[in-house]
Amino acid sequence: MSESPQQQLLHLVIGGELTDLDHATFKDLDQVEIVGLYPNYASAHAVWRSKAQQSVDNAHMRYFIVHLHRLLDPGHDAKTAR
């Protein structure tokens, strides 16, 4: 009997320098780093933490985790809440 595959909850990690600390507006979109695509939050969070620690000396540099699975299936959270 084969195991059912683990559900993919895709997450994207991106980062770049912000225009100011009050908004998530990148200073230069051409310089935004697409770090990678990950199959779950735990993997994305580990990479996000590493990248954030590497850029600790630049207060305007920020990394974000984008929950792509929510964009691909916006009703998913509502379905699981039932």
N, C-alpha and C. Protein backbone atom coordinates (compact mmCIF):
# COMPACT_ATOMS: atom_id res chain seq x y z
N MET A 1 0.85 -1.17 0.00
CA MET A 1 0.00 0.00 0.00
C MET A 1 0.90 1.24 0.00
N SER A 2 0.61 2.18 -0.88
CA SER A 2 1.44 3.39 -0.95
C SER A 2 0.90 4.47 -0.01
N GLU A 3 1.82 5.27 0.49
CA GLU A 3 1.43 6.37 1.37
C GLU A 3 0.87 7.51 0.54
N SER A 4 -0.08 8.23 1.10
CA SER A 4 -0.59 9.40 0.39
C SER A 4 0.45 10.51 0.50
N PRO A 5 0.65 11.26 -0.60
CA PRO A 5 1.66 12.33 -0.55
C PRO A 5 1.25 13.43 0.42
N GLN A 6 2.27 14.02 1.04
CA GLN A 6 2.02 15.12 1.97
C GLN A 6 1.51 16.32 1.19
N GLN A 7 0.54 17.02 1.73
CA GLN A 7 -0.04 18.18 1.07
C GLN A 7 1.00 19.28 0.91
N GLN A 8 1.09 19.83 -0.30
CA GLN A 8 2.00 20.94 -0.53
C GLN A 8 1.32 22.24 -0.17
N LEU A 9 1.97 23.00 0.67
CA LEU A 9 1.52 24.35 1.00
C LEU A 9 2.66 25.28 0.59
N LEU A 10 2.66 25.68 -0.67
CA LEU A 10 3.79 26.42 -1.24
C LEU A 10 4.00 27.78 -0.58
N HIS A 11 5.27 28.08 -0.31
CA HIS A 11 5.68 29.35 0.28
C HIS A 11 6.86 29.89 -0.52
N LEU A 12 6.87 31.20 -0.73
CA LEU A 12 7.94 31.88 -1.45
C LEU A 12 8.66 32.82 -0.49
N VAL A 13 9.98 32.80 -0.52
CA VAL A 13 10.77 33.71 0.30
C VAL A 13 11.42 34.73 -0.63
N ILE A 14 11.16 36.02 -0.35
CA ILE A 14 11.74 37.11 -1.13
C ILE A 14 12.32 38.15 -0.17
N GLY A 15 13.19 38.99 -0.70
CA GLY A 15 13.75 40.03 0.16
C GLY A 15 14.38 41.14 -0.64
N GLY A 16 14.57 42.25 0.03
CA GLY A 16 15.21 43.39 -0.60
C GLY A 16 15.23 44.58 0.33
N GLU A 17 15.82 45.64 -0.16
CA GLU A 17 15.93 46.85 0.64
C GLU A 17 14.64 47.67 0.52
N LEU A 18 14.13 48.11 1.65
CA LEU A 18 12.89 48.88 1.68
C LEU A 18 13.18 50.38 1.61
N THR A 19 12.18 51.15 1.15
CA THR A 19 12.33 52.60 1.08
C THR A 19 12.36 53.21 2.47
N ASP A 20 11.55 52.66 3.39
CA ASP A 20 11.55 53.12 4.79
C ASP A 20 11.08 51.96 5.67
N LEU A 21 11.21 52.13 6.95
CA LEU A 21 10.89 51.04 7.87
C LEU A 21 9.41 50.91 8.19
N ASP A 22 8.60 51.87 7.76
CA ASP A 22 7.17 51.85 8.07
C ASP A 22 6.33 51.16 7.01
N HIS A 23 6.91 50.86 5.85
CA HIS A 23 6.14 50.27 4.76
C HIS A 23 6.92 49.14 4.10
N ALA A 24 6.20 48.21 3.51
CA ALA A 24 6.84 47.11 2.79
C ALA A 24 6.93 47.46 1.31
N THR A 25 7.61 48.58 1.03
CA THR A 25 7.81 49.04 -0.34
C THR A 25 9.29 48.91 -0.66
N PHE A 26 9.60 48.13 -1.68
CA PHE A 26 11.00 47.91 -2.04
C PHE A 26 11.58 49.14 -2.72
N LYS A 27 12.82 49.43 -2.39
CA LYS A 27 13.54 50.58 -2.94
C LYS A 27 13.75 50.41 -4.45
N ASP A 28 14.11 49.20 -4.89
CA ASP A 28 14.39 48.92 -6.30
C ASP A 28 13.90 47.51 -6.62
N LEU A 29 12.81 47.41 -7.38
CA LEU A 29 12.24 46.10 -7.69
C LEU A 29 13.21 45.21 -8.48
N ASP A 30 14.12 45.82 -9.23
CA ASP A 30 15.11 45.03 -9.97
C ASP A 30 16.09 44.33 -9.04
N GLN A 31 16.19 44.82 -7.82
CA GLN A 31 17.13 44.24 -6.86
C GLN A 31 16.46 43.30 -5.84
N VAL A 32 15.16 43.06 -5.98
CA VAL A 32 14.47 42.14 -5.07
C VAL A 32 15.01 40.73 -5.31
N GLU A 33 15.39 40.09 -4.24
CA GLU A 33 15.95 38.74 -4.31
C GLU A 33 14.83 37.71 -4.15
N ILE A 34 14.70 36.84 -5.13
CA ILE A 34 13.78 35.71 -5.00
C ILE A 34 14.62 34.57 -4.45
N VAL A 35 14.47 34.33 -3.17
CA VAL A 35 15.31 33.35 -2.48
C VAL A 35 14.94 31.94 -2.89
N GLY A 36 13.63 31.63 -2.89
CA GLY A 36 13.23 30.30 -3.31
C GLY A 36 11.79 29.97 -2.99
N LEU A 37 11.38 28.82 -3.49
CA LEU A 37 10.04 28.29 -3.32
C LEU A 37 10.14 27.04 -2.45
N TYR A 38 9.27 26.93 -1.45
CA TYR A 38 9.38 25.84 -0.47
C TYR A 38 8.05 25.14 -0.29
N PRO A 39 8.06 23.83 0.00
CA PRO A 39 6.83 23.04 0.06
C PRO A 39 6.02 23.21 1.33
N ASN A 40 6.58 23.88 2.33
CA ASN A 40 5.85 24.07 3.59
C ASN A 40 6.42 25.27 4.34
N TYR A 41 5.69 25.71 5.34
CA TYR A 41 6.08 26.89 6.10
C TYR A 41 7.40 26.68 6.86
N ALA A 42 7.57 25.49 7.43
CA ALA A 42 8.78 25.23 8.23
C ALA A 42 10.05 25.40 7.39
N SER A 43 10.04 24.89 6.18
CA SER A 43 11.21 25.03 5.30
C SER A 43 11.44 26.49 4.93
N ALA A 44 10.36 27.19 4.59
CA ALA A 44 10.47 28.61 4.22
C ALA A 44 10.96 29.43 5.41
N HIS A 45 10.46 29.13 6.58
CA HIS A 45 10.84 29.89 7.78
C HIS A 45 12.33 29.71 8.09
N ALA A 46 12.85 28.51 7.93
CA ALA A 46 14.27 28.26 8.20
C ALA A 46 15.14 29.10 7.26
N VAL A 47 14.78 29.16 5.99
CA VAL A 47 15.54 29.95 5.02
C VAL A 47 15.37 31.44 5.30
N TRP A 48 14.14 31.86 5.59
CA TRP A 48 13.87 33.26 5.92
C TRP A 48 14.74 33.71 7.10
N ARG A 49 14.78 32.90 8.14
CA ARG A 49 15.57 33.24 9.34
C ARG A 49 17.05 33.40 8.99
N SER A 50 17.56 32.48 8.19
CA SER A 50 18.96 32.54 7.79
C SER A 50 19.27 33.81 7.00
N LYS A 51 18.42 34.13 6.03
CA LYS A 51 18.63 35.34 5.22
C LYS A 51 18.50 36.60 6.07
N ALA A 52 17.54 36.63 6.98
CA ALA A 52 17.35 37.79 7.85
C ALA A 52 18.57 37.99 8.75
N GLN A 53 19.12 36.91 9.27
CA GLN A 53 20.30 37.02 10.13
C GLN A 53 21.53 37.49 9.35
N GLN A 54 21.62 37.10 8.07
CA GLN A 54 22.75 37.52 7.24
C GLN A 54 22.71 39.03 6.95
N SER A 55 21.51 39.61 6.98
CA SER A 55 21.37 41.02 6.61
C SER A 55 21.11 41.92 7.83
N VAL A 56 21.44 41.44 9.01
CA VAL A 56 21.13 42.16 10.24
C VAL A 56 21.78 43.55 10.31
N ASP A 57 22.88 43.76 9.60
CA ASP A 57 23.57 45.05 9.64
C ASP A 57 22.89 46.13 8.81
N ASN A 58 21.95 45.74 7.94
CA ASN A 58 21.24 46.71 7.11
C ASN A 58 19.79 46.77 7.59
N ALA A 59 19.44 47.82 8.31
CA ALA A 59 18.10 47.94 8.90
C ALA A 59 17.00 48.00 7.85
N HIS A 60 17.31 48.43 6.64
CA HIS A 60 16.29 48.54 5.59
C HIS A 60 16.10 47.24 4.79
N MET A 61 16.95 46.26 5.01
CA MET A 61 16.84 44.99 4.29
C MET A 61 15.83 44.11 5.02
N ARG A 62 14.84 43.62 4.29
CA ARG A 62 13.82 42.76 4.88
C ARG A 62 13.54 41.58 3.97
N TYR A 63 13.22 40.46 4.59
CA TYR A 63 12.81 39.26 3.88
C TYR A 63 11.40 38.91 4.30
N PHE A 64 10.65 38.35 3.38
CA PHE A 64 9.24 38.02 3.62
C PHE A 64 8.95 36.60 3.17
N ILE A 65 7.97 35.99 3.85
CA ILE A 65 7.44 34.70 3.42
C ILE A 65 6.06 34.97 2.83
N VAL A 66 5.89 34.59 1.56
CA VAL A 66 4.62 34.76 0.87
C VAL A 66 3.92 33.40 0.86
N HIS A 67 2.71 33.36 1.38
CA HIS A 67 1.94 32.12 1.44
C HIS A 67 1.26 31.89 0.09
N LEU A 68 1.98 31.31 -0.85
CA LEU A 68 1.45 31.12 -2.20
C LEU A 68 0.23 30.21 -2.22
N HIS A 69 0.17 29.25 -1.32
CA HIS A 69 -0.97 28.33 -1.30
C HIS A 69 -2.27 29.07 -1.05
N ARG A 70 -2.20 30.18 -0.34
CA ARG A 70 -3.41 30.98 -0.09
C ARG A 70 -3.85 31.73 -1.34
N LEU A 71 -2.88 32.10 -2.17
CA LEU A 71 -3.21 32.79 -3.42
C LEU A 71 -3.74 31.80 -4.47
N LEU A 72 -3.19 30.59 -4.46
CA LEU A 72 -3.59 29.58 -5.44
C LEU A 72 -4.96 28.99 -5.12
N ASP A 73 -5.29 28.90 -3.83
CA ASP A 73 -6.57 28.34 -3.41
C ASP A 73 -7.11 29.16 -2.25
N PRO A 74 -7.64 30.36 -2.53
CA PRO A 74 -8.05 31.26 -1.46
C PRO A 74 -9.14 30.70 -0.56
N GLY A 75 -9.92 29.75 -1.02
CA GLY A 75 -10.98 29.17 -0.20
C GLY A 75 -10.49 28.05 0.70
N HIS A 76 -9.22 27.68 0.59
CA HIS A 76 -8.68 26.55 1.36
C HIS A 76 -8.86 26.75 2.85
N ASP A 77 -8.49 27.92 3.37
CA ASP A 77 -8.60 28.17 4.80
C ASP A 77 -10.04 28.10 5.27
N ALA A 78 -10.96 28.57 4.46
CA ALA A 78 -12.37 28.53 4.82
C ALA A 78 -12.88 27.09 4.84
N LYS A 79 -12.38 26.27 3.90
CA LYS A 79 -12.81 24.86 3.83
C LYS A 79 -12.36 24.09 5.07
N THR A 80 -11.12 24.33 5.49
CA THR A 80 -10.56 23.58 6.63
C THR A 80 -11.15 24.04 7.95
N ALA A 81 -11.71 25.23 7.99
CA ALA A 81 -12.27 25.77 9.24
C ALA A 81 -13.63 25.15 9.58
N ARG A 82 -14.24 24.53 8.61
CA ARG A 82 -15.58 23.95 8.82
C ARG A 82 -15.54 22.71 9.67
